[in-house]
Amino acid sequence: MAEVLALVEARLRTTLGEPDARAAVTFLGTDRIEVLRFTDGDVVRYATLGMSASPMADPTAALADPVKGPRAELVLTVRAGLADTDKVLRPLAVLAASPQVEGIVVAPGASLDVGEPLWPAAPFTSALVAEPGGLVEDLDLDDPLDPVRFLPLLPMTPNEAAWKRVHGAAALQEKWLDSGTDLRDPLRKSVPLD
């Protein structure tokens, strides 16, 4: 586990630079989850570290495989200085702990909801899990371990989350694209969902 996390942190540092802050959260019955902050000009990225220590298990499986199974970390990118986004550390850690706590597999297209604003005055309580590979490349591990995927999170307003449940992730992403939505704006309004 420690070896996997060391490799994950090295990949994050190689891609995003040196973190300028880090926080750790431990929930009862789970491994420690850290959140690293990387600042790059007017953009701040938050990346989890700890979710990939164990593979995510299929919730219908009788026993969780301690070796095989998907591994991932979460990455959130927002514009700096517009909101108190550093308060996202705990909600991000909650989302990263969800495979251990709830026995779910976090994959692209999924919705992750914390039930409260992601940061003070945020119009978002949930996030859409986007496709990996754009910002941080997958990290291959030695066989038989699955690679670690770095999954971008795209904050959703409650209306967007409800619309996505009916129409799907691809349709919501198309709406965002058609409207020229700045998904990094921590104070953005919901996209028109006519």
Protein backbone atom coordinates (compact mmCIF):
# COMPACT_ATOMS: atom_id res chain seq x y z
CA MET A 1 0.00 0.00 0.00
CA ALA A 2 2.70 2.51 0.97
CA GLU A 3 4.64 1.67 -2.21
CA VAL A 4 1.59 2.36 -4.40
CA LEU A 5 0.95 5.70 -2.69
CA ALA A 6 4.60 6.73 -3.05
CA LEU A 7 4.36 6.05 -6.81
CA VAL A 8 1.08 7.96 -7.02
CA GLU A 9 2.53 10.97 -5.21
CA ALA A 10 5.58 10.89 -7.49
CA ARG A 11 3.29 10.91 -10.57
CA LEU A 12 1.32 13.87 -9.17
CA ARG A 13 4.52 15.81 -8.41
CA THR A 14 5.98 15.07 -11.85
CA THR A 15 2.81 16.26 -13.58
CA LEU A 16 1.56 19.09 -11.32
CA GLY A 17 4.73 20.25 -9.53
CA GLU A 18 5.31 20.53 -5.80
CA PRO A 19 2.20 20.70 -3.63
CA ASP A 20 1.96 23.92 -1.63
CA ALA A 21 -0.34 22.39 1.01
CA ARG A 22 -1.61 19.02 2.16
CA ALA A 23 -4.15 17.81 4.67
CA ALA A 24 -5.01 14.35 5.98
CA VAL A 25 -8.36 12.96 7.06
CA THR A 26 -9.03 9.59 8.64
CA PHE A 27 -12.55 8.22 8.94
CA LEU A 28 -13.45 5.42 11.34
CA GLY A 29 -12.69 2.09 9.71
CA THR A 30 -10.86 3.54 6.69
CA ASP A 31 -7.30 4.22 5.64
CA ARG A 32 -5.96 7.75 5.82
CA ILE A 33 -6.81 10.00 2.86
CA GLU A 34 -4.65 12.99 2.05
CA VAL A 35 -5.54 15.90 -0.21
CA LEU A 36 -2.69 17.75 -1.90
CA ARG A 37 -3.06 21.29 -3.25
CA PHE A 38 -1.16 22.43 -6.33
CA THR A 39 -1.29 26.10 -7.35
CA ASP A 40 -0.43 27.07 -10.92
CA GLY A 41 -1.06 30.76 -11.64
CA ASP A 42 -4.80 31.40 -11.44
CA VAL A 43 -5.65 27.69 -11.19
CA VAL A 44 -5.71 25.49 -8.08
CA ARG A 45 -5.78 21.70 -8.29
CA TYR A 46 -6.69 19.40 -5.43
CA ALA A 47 -5.68 15.74 -5.72
CA THR A 48 -6.50 12.92 -3.35
CA LEU A 49 -3.82 10.53 -2.14
CA GLY A 50 -4.89 7.29 -0.48
CA MET A 51 -7.93 6.17 -2.45
CA SER A 52 -5.69 4.02 -4.69
CA ALA A 53 -4.02 2.18 -1.78
CA SER A 54 -6.56 -0.63 -2.19
CA PRO A 55 -8.48 -1.73 -5.27
CA MET A 56 -12.15 -0.79 -5.45
CA ALA A 57 -14.34 -3.85 -5.02
CA ASP A 58 -17.51 -4.76 -6.86
CA PRO A 59 -20.25 -4.24 -4.25
CA THR A 60 -21.97 -7.45 -5.41
CA ALA A 61 -18.86 -9.61 -4.86
CA ALA A 62 -18.92 -11.91 -1.84
CA LEU A 63 -15.29 -11.12 -1.01
CA ALA A 64 -13.17 -8.13 -1.98
CA ASP A 65 -10.01 -9.04 -3.89
CA PRO A 66 -7.07 -7.41 -2.04
CA VAL A 67 -4.97 -7.22 -5.24
CA LYS A 68 -7.08 -7.06 -8.41
CA GLY A 69 -9.56 -4.32 -9.17
CA PRO A 70 -9.67 -0.70 -10.34
CA ARG A 71 -7.64 1.93 -8.49
CA ALA A 72 -8.14 5.68 -8.71
CA GLU A 73 -7.46 9.10 -7.24
CA LEU A 74 -9.62 12.21 -7.68
CA VAL A 75 -8.49 15.56 -9.13
CA LEU A 76 -10.48 18.81 -8.86
CA THR A 77 -9.42 21.96 -10.74
CA VAL A 78 -10.84 25.41 -9.96
CA ARG A 79 -9.95 29.06 -10.53
CA ALA A 80 -8.04 30.55 -7.60
CA GLY A 81 -9.14 33.52 -5.53
CA LEU A 82 -12.85 33.53 -6.37
CA ALA A 83 -14.09 31.39 -3.44
CA ASP A 84 -12.77 29.68 -0.30
CA THR A 85 -12.15 26.45 -2.19
CA ASP A 86 -9.58 25.19 0.34
CA LYS A 87 -12.58 24.07 2.39
CA VAL A 88 -13.10 21.35 -0.25
CA LEU A 89 -10.45 19.22 1.47
CA ARG A 90 -12.83 17.34 3.76
CA PRO A 91 -15.56 16.77 1.10
CA LEU A 92 -12.88 15.49 -1.30
CA ALA A 93 -11.56 13.12 1.36
CA VAL A 94 -15.15 11.89 1.95
CA LEU A 95 -15.53 11.17 -1.77
CA ALA A 96 -12.14 9.42 -1.90
CA ALA A 97 -13.12 7.24 1.08
CA SER A 98 -16.46 6.25 -0.47
CA PRO A 99 -15.12 3.01 -2.08
CA GLN A 100 -13.96 1.81 1.36
CA VAL A 101 -17.01 3.10 3.27
CA GLU A 102 -19.81 2.36 0.81
CA GLY A 103 -18.22 -0.40 -1.26
CA ILE A 104 -18.68 1.42 -4.55
CA VAL A 105 -16.54 1.54 -7.67
CA VAL A 106 -15.92 5.13 -8.78
CA ALA A 107 -15.80 5.30 -12.58
CA PRO A 108 -16.21 7.90 -15.34
CA GLY A 109 -19.82 9.01 -15.73
CA ALA A 110 -20.64 8.49 -12.05
CA SER A 111 -22.05 11.18 -9.78
CA LEU A 112 -20.50 11.68 -6.35
CA ASP A 113 -22.56 13.66 -3.82
CA VAL A 114 -21.54 14.93 -0.39
CA GLY A 115 -24.97 16.36 0.48
CA GLU A 116 -23.59 19.79 1.37
CA PRO A 117 -21.75 22.57 -0.51
CA LEU A 118 -18.28 21.47 -1.66
CA TRP A 119 -16.93 24.72 -0.12
CA PRO A 120 -18.61 27.72 1.60
CA ALA A 121 -21.25 29.32 -0.65
CA ALA A 122 -20.54 26.80 -3.42
CA PRO A 123 -23.51 26.17 -5.72
CA PHE A 124 -22.37 22.52 -5.96
CA THR A 125 -22.99 19.53 -3.67
CA SER A 126 -21.86 16.88 -6.13
CA ALA A 127 -19.44 16.24 -8.96
CA LEU A 128 -19.43 14.33 -12.21
CA VAL A 129 -16.53 11.90 -12.60
CA ALA A 130 -14.91 12.64 -15.98
CA GLU A 131 -12.69 10.50 -18.19
CA PRO A 132 -9.08 10.10 -17.00
CA GLY A 133 -5.88 10.61 -18.97
CA GLY A 134 -6.13 14.27 -19.88
CA LEU A 135 -4.26 16.03 -17.10
CA VAL A 136 -2.52 13.21 -15.23
CA GLU A 137 -1.72 10.02 -17.15
CA ASP A 138 -2.68 6.63 -15.72
CA LEU A 139 0.01 5.09 -13.53
CA ASP A 140 0.85 1.51 -14.51
CA LEU A 141 1.67 -0.80 -11.59
CA ASP A 142 3.39 -4.19 -11.61
CA ASP A 143 1.21 -7.18 -12.53
CA PRO A 144 -1.26 -8.27 -11.29
CA LEU A 145 -2.20 -4.77 -10.02
CA ASP A 146 -4.50 -2.60 -12.13
CA PRO A 147 -3.22 0.88 -13.08
CA VAL A 148 -4.11 3.93 -11.00
CA ARG A 149 -6.43 6.27 -12.90
CA PHE A 150 -6.59 9.98 -12.04
CA LEU A 151 -10.25 10.90 -12.36
CA PRO A 152 -11.17 14.58 -12.90
CA LEU A 153 -14.15 15.86 -10.92
CA LEU A 154 -16.52 18.38 -12.54
CA PRO A 155 -18.71 20.13 -9.92
CA MET A 156 -22.46 19.96 -10.62
CA THR A 157 -25.29 22.10 -9.31
CA PRO A 158 -28.27 20.16 -7.86
CA ASN A 159 -30.28 20.93 -11.04
CA GLU A 160 -27.45 19.64 -13.25
CA ALA A 161 -27.14 16.49 -11.12
CA ALA A 162 -30.88 15.81 -11.40
CA TRP A 163 -30.81 16.44 -15.17
CA LYS A 164 -27.80 14.12 -15.52
CA ARG A 165 -29.67 11.31 -13.71
CA VAL A 166 -32.37 11.47 -16.42
CA HIS A 167 -30.31 12.24 -19.53
CA GLY A 168 -26.85 10.82 -18.70
CA ALA A 169 -23.33 12.15 -18.25
CA ALA A 170 -22.58 12.58 -21.96
CA ALA A 171 -25.69 14.73 -22.48
CA LEU A 172 -24.75 16.99 -19.55
CA GLN A 173 -21.19 17.38 -20.83
CA GLU A 174 -22.64 18.27 -24.25
CA LYS A 175 -24.82 20.97 -22.59
CA TRP A 176 -21.74 22.39 -20.85
CA LEU A 177 -19.80 22.39 -24.11
CA ASP A 178 -22.61 23.99 -26.13
CA SER A 179 -22.99 26.74 -23.51
CA GLY A 180 -19.25 27.42 -23.25
CA THR A 181 -19.43 26.68 -19.51
CA ASP A 182 -16.30 27.46 -17.51
CA LEU A 183 -16.20 24.31 -15.37
CA ARG A 184 -13.32 25.76 -13.34
CA ASP A 185 -15.41 28.71 -12.10
CA PRO A 186 -16.11 27.94 -8.42
CA LEU A 187 -19.13 30.29 -8.43
CA ARG A 188 -20.68 29.46 -11.80
CA LYS A 189 -24.42 29.17 -12.26
CA SER A 190 -26.21 26.11 -13.56
CA VAL A 191 -26.13 25.61 -17.32
CA PRO A 192 -29.54 26.25 -19.00
CA LEU A 193 -31.34 22.89 -19.01
CA ASP A 194 -34.34 23.52 -21.27
